[in-house]
Amino acid sequence: MSYRPAEVGLAVKRLQHRHHRAVNRALAPLGLSLVQWDTLRHLHERPDASLHDLAVLTFQTDQSFGSLATRMADRGLIERLPGPGRAVRHRITAEGERLRAEGQAVADALLTTSFQNLSPAELDQLGALLAKALGPDPTGTHSS
């Protein structure tokens, strides 16, 4: 075995950290952070998502996501709507959708460059191996 599991884990973390910093920088001209764009992306896929679900999907605590959602609603990027009981549901606005799409183009270009040293077959293999390593999500809430 050429790579020990700890080495692979660290390489995955380094790549993720590099992507996080680069995408944050690339989204800044749109007035978005990575977590804001990720929120818009998840709301595009899951209209009416709860605060808790969005917190889990964006790797935030419920409290920190609540603050983020309030700021995004104040900017007109999302709407916060009453749900059943005390639940709050969220929807992306037209402005949020516009920025989500622009952010997607920015992220796609950046990540394409990041993986340019891999052939299409190697990129598919990497994706398959990471999906296999992750296995099914025990919470059932995170798909991408």
Protein backbone atom coordinates (compact mmCIF):
# COMPACT_ATOMS: atom_id res chain seq x y z
CA MET A 1 0.00 0.00 0.00
CA SER A 2 1.55 3.30 -1.13
CA TYR A 3 -0.59 5.62 1.02
CA ARG A 4 -1.55 5.17 4.64
CA PRO A 5 -5.12 6.10 5.54
CA ALA A 6 -3.90 9.08 7.61
CA GLU A 7 -2.01 10.43 4.61
CA VAL A 8 -5.04 10.10 2.35
CA GLY A 9 -7.24 11.75 4.97
CA LEU A 10 -4.84 14.66 5.27
CA ALA A 11 -4.64 15.04 1.47
CA VAL A 12 -8.45 15.16 1.27
CA LYS A 13 -8.54 17.79 4.03
CA ARG A 14 -5.82 19.89 2.33
CA LEU A 15 -7.64 19.80 -1.00
CA GLN A 16 -10.91 20.72 0.68
CA HIS A 17 -9.23 23.60 2.52
CA ARG A 18 -7.63 24.84 -0.72
CA HIS A 19 -11.01 24.68 -2.49
CA HIS A 20 -12.74 26.46 0.39
CA ARG A 21 -10.30 29.38 0.35
CA ALA A 22 -10.25 29.64 -3.45
CA VAL A 23 -14.04 29.50 -3.84
CA ASN A 24 -14.48 32.10 -1.08
CA ARG A 25 -12.10 34.43 -2.93
CA ALA A 26 -13.79 33.77 -6.28
CA LEU A 27 -17.29 34.41 -4.87
CA ALA A 28 -16.32 37.65 -3.10
CA PRO A 29 -16.99 39.85 -6.18
CA LEU A 30 -20.58 38.53 -6.12
CA GLY A 31 -20.88 39.55 -2.46
CA LEU A 32 -21.13 35.91 -1.38
CA SER A 33 -19.16 33.61 0.88
CA LEU A 34 -18.90 29.89 0.25
CA VAL A 35 -21.43 29.09 2.98
CA GLN A 36 -23.90 31.64 1.57
CA TRP A 37 -23.56 30.22 -1.93
CA ASP A 38 -23.84 26.69 -0.54
CA THR A 39 -27.06 27.73 1.22
CA LEU A 40 -28.46 29.05 -2.06
CA ARG A 41 -27.40 25.85 -3.83
CA HIS A 42 -29.15 23.66 -1.25
CA LEU A 43 -32.30 25.79 -1.31
CA HIS A 44 -32.36 25.51 -5.10
CA GLU A 45 -32.35 21.72 -4.65
CA ARG A 46 -34.61 21.64 -1.55
CA PRO A 47 -37.16 24.46 -1.49
CA ASP A 48 -38.77 24.89 1.94
CA ALA A 49 -35.83 23.33 3.79
CA SER A 50 -35.82 23.83 7.53
CA LEU A 51 -33.20 25.82 9.39
CA HIS A 52 -31.85 22.63 10.95
CA ASP A 53 -31.59 20.82 7.62
CA LEU A 54 -29.76 23.77 6.06
CA ALA A 55 -27.42 23.98 9.06
CA VAL A 56 -26.51 20.31 8.64
CA LEU A 57 -26.09 20.61 4.87
CA THR A 58 -23.80 23.65 5.21
CA PHE A 59 -21.78 22.28 8.15
CA GLN A 60 -23.06 24.95 10.56
CA THR A 61 -24.67 24.82 13.98
CA ASP A 62 -28.35 25.71 14.13
CA GLN A 63 -27.48 28.92 15.97
CA SER A 64 -24.81 30.09 13.52
CA PHE A 65 -26.99 29.16 10.55
CA GLY A 66 -29.91 31.09 12.06
CA SER A 67 -27.75 34.23 12.13
CA LEU A 68 -26.58 33.60 8.57
CA ALA A 69 -30.14 33.03 7.33
CA THR A 70 -31.29 36.28 8.94
CA ARG A 71 -28.52 38.22 7.17
CA MET A 72 -29.30 36.50 3.86
CA ALA A 73 -33.00 37.30 4.24
CA ASP A 74 -32.15 40.93 5.02
CA ARG A 75 -30.19 41.04 1.74
CA GLY A 76 -33.15 39.61 -0.18
CA LEU A 77 -31.40 36.33 -1.08
CA ILE A 78 -33.76 34.01 0.78
CA GLU A 79 -37.19 34.15 2.36
CA ARG A 80 -37.94 32.80 5.83
CA LEU A 81 -41.47 31.44 6.07
CA PRO A 82 -43.42 29.96 8.98
CA GLY A 83 -43.66 26.20 8.89
CA PRO A 84 -45.50 23.68 11.04
CA GLY A 85 -45.25 24.40 14.77
CA ARG A 86 -42.20 26.54 15.50
CA ALA A 87 -40.39 25.45 12.35
CA VAL A 88 -39.10 28.03 9.90
CA ARG A 89 -38.89 27.14 6.22
CA HIS A 90 -36.61 28.82 3.71
CA ARG A 91 -36.90 29.60 0.01
CA ILE A 92 -34.51 31.15 -2.45
CA THR A 93 -35.58 34.48 -3.98
CA ALA A 94 -35.09 35.54 -7.61
CA GLU A 95 -31.98 37.53 -6.59
CA GLY A 96 -30.69 34.55 -4.64
CA GLU A 97 -31.26 32.31 -7.66
CA ARG A 98 -29.38 34.74 -9.90
CA LEU A 99 -26.40 34.76 -7.53
CA ARG A 100 -26.58 30.98 -7.08
CA ALA A 101 -26.28 30.48 -10.84
CA GLU A 102 -23.44 33.00 -11.15
CA GLY A 103 -21.69 31.39 -8.19
CA GLN A 104 -22.13 27.94 -9.75
CA ALA A 105 -20.33 29.10 -12.89
CA VAL A 106 -17.50 30.55 -10.76
CA ALA A 107 -17.17 27.37 -8.68
CA ASP A 108 -17.33 25.10 -11.74
CA ALA A 109 -14.53 27.03 -13.46
CA LEU A 110 -12.37 27.03 -10.36
CA LEU A 111 -12.85 23.34 -9.61
CA THR A 112 -12.29 22.39 -13.25
CA THR A 113 -8.92 24.12 -13.03
CA SER A 114 -8.17 22.44 -9.71
CA PHE A 115 -8.68 18.98 -11.20
CA GLN A 116 -7.08 19.71 -14.58
CA ASN A 117 -4.20 17.29 -13.92
CA LEU A 118 -6.65 14.38 -13.78
CA SER A 119 -8.00 12.71 -16.88
CA PRO A 120 -11.79 12.42 -17.12
CA ALA A 121 -11.46 8.73 -16.20
CA GLU A 122 -9.30 9.57 -13.17
CA LEU A 123 -11.77 12.23 -12.04
CA ASP A 124 -14.60 9.70 -12.33
CA GLN A 125 -12.52 7.18 -10.40
CA LEU A 126 -11.74 9.72 -7.67
CA GLY A 127 -15.43 10.61 -7.39
CA ALA A 128 -16.40 6.93 -7.18
CA LEU A 129 -13.74 6.18 -4.57
CA LEU A 130 -14.76 9.14 -2.41
CA ALA A 131 -18.43 8.13 -2.66
CA LYS A 132 -17.48 4.57 -1.69
CA ALA A 133 -15.38 5.79 1.25
CA LEU A 134 -18.21 8.05 2.45
CA GLY A 135 -20.82 5.31 2.16
CA PRO A 136 -24.46 6.13 2.84
CA ASP A 137 -25.15 9.19 4.99
CA PRO A 138 -26.48 7.93 8.32
CA THR A 139 -28.49 11.15 8.78
CA GLY A 140 -30.04 10.99 5.33
CA THR A 141 -29.68 14.75 4.89
CA HIS A 142 -26.48 15.32 2.97
CA SER A 143 -26.19 14.37 -0.68
CA SER A 144 -23.74 16.87 -2.13
